[in-house]
Amino acid sequence: MLAKNPPSEKSLSAREIRAVLESFDLDATDRLFEQIRAYIDLLLLWNRRISLTSIVSPEEIVRTHFAESLLATKAATEILGRLADVGTGAGFPGIPLKMYIPTLRLTLIEPNAKKSAFLAEMVRTLELKNVDIIQKRYEDVRAPEPPFDIVTARALGQFSEFCDWATTVMAPQGRVMVWTGPDGRLELERKKSFIWHDPYVIPRSKHRLIVSGRGKLRQNVSRETSKVIL
């Protein structure tokens, strides 16, 4: 059973969460509904002390944070293996994807100490296994062994530097997935070290896209990394 937290004043029912997710053509289990409610309660509790999200409506959190995160499953043919979420902040999209696909091995990369503490508490509350937290700037993370199969970024700029770094931590032909807009798409597609696919347009958003690309074949990465195992 999930650890209990003080409920938010406007906790959503499983029916309300299902309605939001189904409006994006996303299926969900009863356990996922329970996890989403627990996530929202803890997020809003911690948000009183540190800045995690400007969105405080539970329904809007499901729509903007959870649904957008889970739409990665529509933007890619498969989400498998080891996934690293860069600049994860409050845990989006990495933790929702782990909730949705429990077999993922998830690494959350977040330089802020307080946000990293929140992530550790969230992982404990949701009883998630095979989750690592690296409290570093992503640029300071050296290539892991084994390397990542997927690298995601939802709240990140400087895409050129990000793509250069991603090639050093990904498996051969690994995938990057970036939540961005038309300008970000153009910047990403200038990087010729990736084969870019047609972007996925996030429904009912103003020009929001999930841009996905596979790395071209290259040399194996080195073996250095540092992580906190939970």
C-alpha atoms as a PDB file:
ATOM      1  CA  MET A   1       0.000   0.000   0.000  1.00  0.00           C
ATOM      2  CA  LEU A   2       1.245   3.488  -0.833  1.00  0.00           C
ATOM      3  CA  ALA A   3       2.479   5.715   1.983  1.00  0.00           C
ATOM      4  CA  LYS A   4      -0.183   8.229   3.030  1.00  0.00           C
ATOM      5  CA  ASN A   5       0.203  12.005   2.794  1.00  0.00           C
ATOM      6  CA  PRO A   6      -2.199  14.757   3.867  1.00  0.00           C
ATOM      7  CA  PRO A   7      -4.683  15.039   0.977  1.00  0.00           C
ATOM      8  CA  SER A   8      -4.955  18.210  -1.051  1.00  0.00           C
ATOM      9  CA  GLU A   9      -8.159  20.194  -0.586  1.00  0.00           C
ATOM     10  CA  LYS A  10      -9.437  19.210  -4.022  1.00  0.00           C
ATOM     11  CA  SER A  11      -8.222  15.635  -4.453  1.00  0.00           C
ATOM     12  CA  LEU A  12      -9.451  14.039  -7.654  1.00  0.00           C
ATOM     13  CA  SER A  13     -11.344  10.772  -7.790  1.00  0.00           C
ATOM     14  CA  ALA A  14     -10.177   7.866  -9.919  1.00  0.00           C
ATOM     15  CA  ARG A  15     -13.104   8.629 -12.232  1.00  0.00           C
ATOM     16  CA  GLU A  16     -11.958  12.233 -12.731  1.00  0.00           C
ATOM     17  CA  ILE A  17      -8.351  11.176 -13.383  1.00  0.00           C
ATOM     18  CA  ARG A  18      -9.541   8.522 -15.845  1.00  0.00           C
ATOM     19  CA  ALA A  19     -11.627  11.098 -17.714  1.00  0.00           C
ATOM     20  CA  VAL A  20      -8.633  13.394 -18.186  1.00  0.00           C
ATOM     21  CA  LEU A  21      -6.298  10.602 -19.325  1.00  0.00           C
ATOM     22  CA  GLU A  22      -8.892   9.066 -21.635  1.00  0.00           C
ATOM     23  CA  SER A  23      -9.357  12.449 -23.305  1.00  0.00           C
ATOM     24  CA  PHE A  24      -5.744  11.960 -24.486  1.00  0.00           C
ATOM     25  CA  ASP A  25      -6.426   8.326 -25.446  1.00  0.00           C
ATOM     26  CA  LEU A  26      -4.365   7.068 -22.483  1.00  0.00           C
ATOM     27  CA  ASP A  27      -5.351   3.933 -20.571  1.00  0.00           C
ATOM     28  CA  ALA A  28      -4.639   3.517 -16.871  1.00  0.00           C
ATOM     29  CA  THR A  29      -4.876   0.948 -14.097  1.00  0.00           C
ATOM     30  CA  ASP A  30      -6.417   1.406 -10.651  1.00  0.00           C
ATOM     31  CA  ARG A  31      -2.900   1.434  -9.188  1.00  0.00           C
ATOM     32  CA  LEU A  32      -1.906   4.284 -11.490  1.00  0.00           C
ATOM     33  CA  PHE A  33      -4.901   6.319 -10.316  1.00  0.00           C
ATOM     34  CA  GLU A  34      -3.845   5.716  -6.700  1.00  0.00           C
ATOM     35  CA  GLN A  35      -0.267   6.723  -7.498  1.00  0.00           C
ATOM     36  CA  ILE A  36      -1.343   9.896  -9.305  1.00  0.00           C
ATOM     37  CA  ARG A  37      -3.463  10.989  -6.338  1.00  0.00           C
ATOM     38  CA  ALA A  38      -0.544  10.352  -3.952  1.00  0.00           C
ATOM     39  CA  TYR A  39       1.809  12.215  -6.289  1.00  0.00           C
ATOM     40  CA  ILE A  40      -0.444  15.276  -6.466  1.00  0.00           C
ATOM     41  CA  ASP A  41      -0.924  15.383  -2.682  1.00  0.00           C
ATOM     42  CA  LEU A  42       2.828  15.252  -2.022  1.00  0.00           C
ATOM     43  CA  LEU A  43       3.630  17.669  -4.854  1.00  0.00           C
ATOM     44  CA  LEU A  44       1.241  20.317  -3.534  1.00  0.00           C
ATOM     45  CA  LEU A  45       2.462  19.783   0.047  1.00  0.00           C
ATOM     46  CA  TRP A  46       6.103  20.339  -0.902  1.00  0.00           C
ATOM     47  CA  ASN A  47       5.167  23.141  -3.299  1.00  0.00           C
ATOM     48  CA  ARG A  48       4.314  25.285  -0.273  1.00  0.00           C
ATOM     49  CA  ARG A  49       7.991  25.212   0.728  1.00  0.00           C
ATOM     50  CA  ILE A  50       9.908  25.023  -2.551  1.00  0.00           C
ATOM     51  CA  SER A  51       8.975  26.012  -6.075  1.00  0.00           C
ATOM     52  CA  LEU A  52       8.077  22.807  -7.937  1.00  0.00           C
ATOM     53  CA  THR A  53       5.149  23.828 -10.131  1.00  0.00           C
ATOM     54  CA  SER A  54       3.154  26.957 -10.917  1.00  0.00           C
ATOM     55  CA  ILE A  55       0.114  24.762 -11.589  1.00  0.00           C
ATOM     56  CA  VAL A  56      -1.833  24.014  -8.408  1.00  0.00           C
ATOM     57  CA  SER A  57      -5.161  22.759  -9.776  1.00  0.00           C
ATOM     58  CA  PRO A  58      -5.150  18.932  -9.415  1.00  0.00           C
ATOM     59  CA  GLU A  59      -7.079  18.496 -12.655  1.00  0.00           C
ATOM     60  CA  GLU A  60      -4.665  20.759 -14.511  1.00  0.00           C
ATOM     61  CA  ILE A  61      -1.711  18.889 -12.992  1.00  0.00           C
ATOM     62  CA  VAL A  62      -3.089  15.662 -14.455  1.00  0.00           C
ATOM     63  CA  ARG A  63      -3.685  17.309 -17.822  1.00  0.00           C
ATOM     64  CA  THR A  64      -0.473  19.319 -18.129  1.00  0.00           C
ATOM     65  CA  HIS A  65       2.081  17.241 -16.220  1.00  0.00           C
ATOM     66  CA  PHE A  66       0.871  13.641 -16.259  1.00  0.00           C
ATOM     67  CA  ALA A  67      -0.866  13.429 -19.636  1.00  0.00           C
ATOM     68  CA  GLU A  68       1.922  15.338 -21.415  1.00  0.00           C
ATOM     69  CA  SER A  69       4.490  13.035 -19.828  1.00  0.00           C
ATOM     70  CA  LEU A  70       2.640   9.843 -20.727  1.00  0.00           C
ATOM     71  CA  LEU A  71       2.150  10.966 -24.330  1.00  0.00           C
ATOM     72  CA  ALA A  72       5.758   9.876 -24.837  1.00  0.00           C
ATOM     73  CA  THR A  73       4.210   6.434 -25.330  1.00  0.00           C
ATOM     74  CA  LYS A  74       2.387   7.843 -28.378  1.00  0.00           C
ATOM     75  CA  ALA A  75       5.422   9.684 -29.706  1.00  0.00           C
ATOM     76  CA  ALA A  76       7.712   6.624 -29.747  1.00  0.00           C
ATOM     77  CA  THR A  77       7.165   3.059 -30.880  1.00  0.00           C
ATOM     78  CA  GLU A  78       8.562   1.718 -27.605  1.00  0.00           C
ATOM     79  CA  ILE A  79       9.758   3.017 -24.233  1.00  0.00           C
ATOM     80  CA  LEU A  80      12.032   0.302 -22.843  1.00  0.00           C
ATOM     81  CA  GLY A  81      15.278  -0.206 -20.948  1.00  0.00           C
ATOM     82  CA  ARG A  82      17.159   2.546 -19.102  1.00  0.00           C
ATOM     83  CA  LEU A  83      15.681   6.046 -19.216  1.00  0.00           C
ATOM     84  CA  ALA A  84      17.411   9.207 -17.962  1.00  0.00           C
ATOM     85  CA  ASP A  85      15.290  12.307 -17.336  1.00  0.00           C
ATOM     86  CA  VAL A  86      17.371  15.506 -17.486  1.00  0.00           C
ATOM     87  CA  GLY A  87      16.510  18.548 -15.364  1.00  0.00           C
ATOM     88  CA  THR A  88      13.591  16.564 -14.025  1.00  0.00           C
ATOM     89  CA  GLY A  89      12.519  19.136 -11.404  1.00  0.00           C
ATOM     90  CA  ALA A  90       9.317  17.764  -9.888  1.00  0.00           C
ATOM     91  CA  GLY A  91       9.817  14.445 -11.688  1.00  0.00           C
ATOM     92  CA  PHE A  92       8.148  15.034 -15.057  1.00  0.00           C
ATOM     93  CA  PRO A  93       8.187  13.163 -17.387  1.00  0.00           C
ATOM     94  CA  GLY A  94      10.416  10.523 -15.765  1.00  0.00           C
ATOM     95  CA  ILE A  95       8.368   9.408 -12.761  1.00  0.00           C
ATOM     96  CA  PRO A  96       4.998   9.240 -14.576  1.00  0.00           C
ATOM     97  CA  LEU A  97       6.638   7.110 -17.280  1.00  0.00           C
ATOM     98  CA  LYS A  98       8.058   4.813 -14.595  1.00  0.00           C
ATOM     99  CA  MET A  99       4.578   4.565 -13.026  1.00  0.00           C
ATOM    100  CA  TYR A 100       3.095   3.741 -16.432  1.00  0.00           C
ATOM    101  CA  ILE A 101       5.873   1.324 -17.460  1.00  0.00           C
ATOM    102  CA  PRO A 102       7.127  -0.280 -14.204  1.00  0.00           C
ATOM    103  CA  THR A 103       9.875  -2.247 -15.978  1.00  0.00           C
ATOM    104  CA  LEU A 104      11.772   0.953 -16.858  1.00  0.00           C
ATOM    105  CA  ARG A 105      15.063   1.553 -15.063  1.00  0.00           C
ATOM    106  CA  LEU A 106      14.854   5.266 -14.321  1.00  0.00           C
ATOM    107  CA  THR A 107      17.573   7.825 -13.610  1.00  0.00           C
ATOM    108  CA  LEU A 108      16.509  11.319 -12.526  1.00  0.00           C
ATOM    109  CA  ILE A 109      19.116  14.054 -13.060  1.00  0.00           C
ATOM    110  CA  GLU A 110      18.449  17.198 -11.003  1.00  0.00           C
ATOM    111  CA  PRO A 111      21.088  19.653  -9.667  1.00  0.00           C
ATOM    112  CA  ASN A 112      18.904  21.322  -7.022  1.00  0.00           C
ATOM    113  CA  ALA A 113      19.329  19.724  -3.569  1.00  0.00           C
ATOM    114  CA  LYS A 114      15.802  20.491  -2.346  1.00  0.00           C
ATOM    115  CA  LYS A 115      14.197  19.187  -5.515  1.00  0.00           C
ATOM    116  CA  SER A 116      16.357  16.066  -5.290  1.00  0.00           C
ATOM    117  CA  ALA A 117      15.099  15.554  -1.726  1.00  0.00           C
ATOM    118  CA  PHE A 118      11.529  15.873  -2.992  1.00  0.00           C
ATOM    119  CA  LEU A 119      12.231  13.299  -5.706  1.00  0.00           C
ATOM    120  CA  ALA A 120      13.627  10.867  -3.136  1.00  0.00           C
ATOM    121  CA  GLU A 121      10.512  11.287  -0.990  1.00  0.00           C
ATOM    122  CA  MET A 122       8.261  10.799  -4.013  1.00  0.00           C
ATOM    123  CA  VAL A 123      10.033   7.604  -5.039  1.00  0.00           C
ATOM    124  CA  ARG A 124       9.678   6.301  -1.473  1.00  0.00           C
ATOM    125  CA  THR A 125       5.990   7.280  -1.264  1.00  0.00           C
ATOM    126  CA  LEU A 126       5.124   5.635  -4.578  1.00  0.00           C
ATOM    127  CA  GLU A 127       7.185   2.524  -3.704  1.00  0.00           C
ATOM    128  CA  LEU A 128       9.066   2.669  -6.993  1.00  0.00           C
ATOM    129  CA  LYS A 129      11.980   0.294  -7.593  1.00  0.00           C
ATOM    130  CA  ASN A 130      15.046   0.655  -9.831  1.00  0.00           C
ATOM    131  CA  VAL A 131      15.147   4.449  -9.622  1.00  0.00           C
ATOM    132  CA  ASP A 132      18.430   6.390  -9.301  1.00  0.00           C
ATOM    133  CA  ILE A 133      18.760  10.080  -8.463  1.00  0.00           C
ATOM    134  CA  ILE A 134      21.836  12.017  -9.570  1.00  0.00           C
ATOM    135  CA  GLN A 135      22.134  15.415  -7.902  1.00  0.00           C
ATOM    136  CA  LYS A 136      24.289  17.103 -10.535  1.00  0.00           C
ATOM    137  CA  ARG A 137      24.115  19.341 -13.547  1.00  0.00           C
ATOM    138  CA  TYR A 138      23.561  17.039 -16.476  1.00  0.00           C
ATOM    139  CA  GLU A 139      26.742  18.282 -18.134  1.00  0.00           C
ATOM    140  CA  ASP A 140      28.722  16.898 -15.190  1.00  0.00           C
ATOM    141  CA  VAL A 141      27.263  13.399 -15.506  1.00  0.00           C
ATOM    142  CA  ARG A 142      29.720  11.099 -17.219  1.00  0.00           C
ATOM    143  CA  ALA A 143      28.670   8.191 -19.369  1.00  0.00           C
ATOM    144  CA  PRO A 144      27.198   5.308 -17.349  1.00  0.00           C
ATOM    145  CA  GLU A 145      27.710   1.610 -17.775  1.00  0.00           C
ATOM    146  CA  PRO A 146      25.461   0.354 -19.178  1.00  0.00           C
ATOM    147  CA  PRO A 147      24.523   3.510 -21.102  1.00  0.00           C
ATOM    148  CA  PHE A 148      21.002   4.920 -21.316  1.00  0.00           C
ATOM    149  CA  ASP A 149      18.549   3.727 -23.957  1.00  0.00           C
ATOM    150  CA  ILE A 150      16.412   6.893 -23.760  1.00  0.00           C
ATOM    151  CA  VAL A 151      17.171  10.439 -22.575  1.00  0.00           C
ATOM    152  CA  THR A 152      14.234  12.796 -21.965  1.00  0.00           C
ATOM    153  CA  ALA A 153      14.011  16.542 -21.299  1.00  0.00           C
ATOM    154  CA  ARG A 154      10.827  18.499 -20.727  1.00  0.00           C
ATOM    155  CA  ALA A 155      11.996  21.807 -19.222  1.00  0.00           C
ATOM    156  CA  LEU A 156      15.333  22.440 -20.871  1.00  0.00           C
ATOM    157  CA  GLY A 157      16.930  24.883 -23.289  1.00  0.00           C
ATOM    158  CA  GLN A 158      20.344  24.879 -24.959  1.00  0.00           C
ATOM    159  CA  PHE A 159      19.416  21.919 -27.123  1.00  0.00           C
ATOM    160  CA  SER A 160      22.693  21.885 -29.030  1.00  0.00           C
ATOM    161  CA  GLU A 161      24.694  21.311 -25.836  1.00  0.00           C
ATOM    162  CA  PHE A 162      22.121  18.803 -24.617  1.00  0.00           C
ATOM    163  CA  CYS A 163      22.356  16.730 -27.796  1.00  0.00           C
ATOM    164  CA  ASP A 164      26.154  16.765 -27.710  1.00  0.00           C
ATOM    165  CA  TRP A 165      26.053  15.496 -24.135  1.00  0.00           C
ATOM    166  CA  ALA A 166      23.360  12.905 -24.871  1.00  0.00           C
ATOM    167  CA  THR A 167      25.555  11.206 -27.450  1.00  0.00           C
ATOM    168  CA  THR A 168      28.099  10.512 -24.674  1.00  0.00           C
ATOM    169  CA  VAL A 169      25.658   8.781 -22.329  1.00  0.00           C
ATOM    170  CA  MET A 170      23.372   6.860 -24.720  1.00  0.00           C
ATOM    171  CA  ALA A 171      23.608   3.378 -26.116  1.00  0.00           C
ATOM    172  CA  PRO A 172      24.319   3.146 -29.862  1.00  0.00           C
ATOM    173  CA  GLN A 173      21.143   4.269 -31.648  1.00  0.00           C
ATOM    174  CA  GLY A 174      19.651   5.391 -28.342  1.00  0.00           C
ATOM    175  CA  ARG A 175      16.750   7.843 -28.377  1.00  0.00           C
ATOM    176  CA  VAL A 176      16.311  11.418 -27.177  1.00  0.00           C
ATOM    177  CA  MET A 177      12.821  12.792 -26.511  1.00  0.00           C
ATOM    178  CA  VAL A 178      12.317  16.513 -25.949  1.00  0.00           C
ATOM    179  CA  TRP A 179       9.127  18.423 -25.061  1.00  0.00           C
ATOM    180  CA  THR A 180       9.397  21.764 -26.861  1.00  0.00           C
ATOM    181  CA  GLY A 181       7.859  24.065 -29.466  1.00  0.00           C
ATOM    182  CA  PRO A 182       8.499  24.787 -33.172  1.00  0.00           C
ATOM    183  CA  ASP A 183      11.665  26.826 -32.511  1.00  0.00           C
ATOM    184  CA  GLY A 184      13.088  24.101 -30.304  1.00  0.00           C
ATOM    185  CA  ARG A 185      12.315  21.546 -32.979  1.00  0.00           C
ATOM    186  CA  LEU A 186      14.306  23.507 -35.544  1.00  0.00           C
ATOM    187  CA  GLU A 187      17.265  23.789 -33.165  1.00  0.00           C
ATOM    188  CA  LEU A 188      17.191  20.073 -32.449  1.00  0.00           C
ATOM    189  CA  GLU A 189      16.954  19.069 -36.088  1.00  0.00           C
ATOM    190  CA  ARG A 190      20.153  20.974 -36.841  1.00  0.00           C
ATOM    191  CA  LYS A 191      22.025  18.305 -34.892  1.00  0.00           C
ATOM    192  CA  LYS A 192      23.111  15.778 -37.495  1.00  0.00           C
ATOM    193  CA  SER A 193      24.252  13.211 -34.911  1.00  0.00           C
ATOM    194  CA  PHE A 194      20.597  12.130 -34.677  1.00  0.00           C
ATOM    195  CA  ILE A 195      18.018  10.819 -37.117  1.00  0.00           C
ATOM    196  CA  TRP A 196      14.935  12.922 -36.326  1.00  0.00           C
ATOM    197  CA  HIS A 197      11.369  11.644 -36.665  1.00  0.00           C
ATOM    198  CA  ASP A 198       8.221  13.622 -37.358  1.00  0.00           C
ATOM    199  CA  PRO A 199       7.291  15.330 -34.086  1.00  0.00           C
ATOM    200  CA  TYR A 200       4.259  14.326 -32.060  1.00  0.00           C
ATOM    201  CA  VAL A 201       1.842  17.229 -31.626  1.00  0.00           C
ATOM    202  CA  ILE A 202       0.452  17.361 -28.086  1.00  0.00           C
ATOM    203  CA  PRO A 203      -3.352  17.550 -28.353  1.00  0.00           C
ATOM    204  CA  ARG A 204      -5.092  20.785 -27.325  1.00  0.00           C
ATOM    205  CA  SER A 205      -1.774  22.559 -26.732  1.00  0.00           C
ATOM    206  CA  LYS A 206      -0.453  25.738 -28.284  1.00  0.00           C
ATOM    207  CA  HIS A 207       2.294  24.416 -30.555  1.00  0.00           C
ATOM    208  CA  ARG A 208       3.650  21.931 -27.981  1.00  0.00           C
ATOM    209  CA  LEU A 209       5.601  19.047 -29.509  1.00  0.00           C
ATOM    210  CA  ILE A 210       7.448  15.913 -28.463  1.00  0.00           C
ATOM    211  CA  VAL A 211      10.499  15.719 -30.712  1.00  0.00           C
ATOM    212  CA  SER A 212      12.203  12.346 -30.926  1.00  0.00           C
ATOM    213  CA  GLY A 213      15.446  11.290 -32.563  1.00  0.00           C
ATOM    214  CA  ARG A 214      17.689   8.239 -32.661  1.00  0.00           C
ATOM    215  CA  GLY A 215      21.443   8.515 -32.387  1.00  0.00           C
ATOM    216  CA  LYS A 216      23.565   7.404 -35.285  1.00  0.00           C
ATOM    217  CA  LEU A 217      25.987   4.520 -34.773  1.00  0.00           C
ATOM    218  CA  ARG A 218      29.138   5.583 -32.933  1.00  0.00           C
ATOM    219  CA  GLN A 219      31.853   4.421 -30.568  1.00  0.00           C
ATOM    220  CA  ASN A 220      30.912   3.021 -27.137  1.00  0.00           C
ATOM    221  CA  VAL A 221      30.814   5.557 -24.299  1.00  0.00           C
ATOM    222  CA  SER A 222      33.151   5.614 -21.303  1.00  0.00           C
ATOM    223  CA  ARG A 223      32.244   4.137 -17.918  1.00  0.00           C
ATOM    224  CA  GLU A 224      32.267   6.933 -15.352  1.00  0.00           C
ATOM    225  CA  THR A 225      29.160   8.037 -13.450  1.00  0.00           C
ATOM    226  CA  SER A 226      28.008   8.960  -9.940  1.00  0.00           C
ATOM    227  CA  LYS A 227      24.562   8.178  -8.538  1.00  0.00           C
ATOM    228  CA  VAL A 228      22.483   7.815  -5.438  1.00  0.00           C
ATOM    229  CA  ILE A 229      20.751   4.429  -5.348  1.00  0.00           C
ATOM    230  CA  LEU A 230      17.304   4.396  -3.748  1.00  0.00           C
END
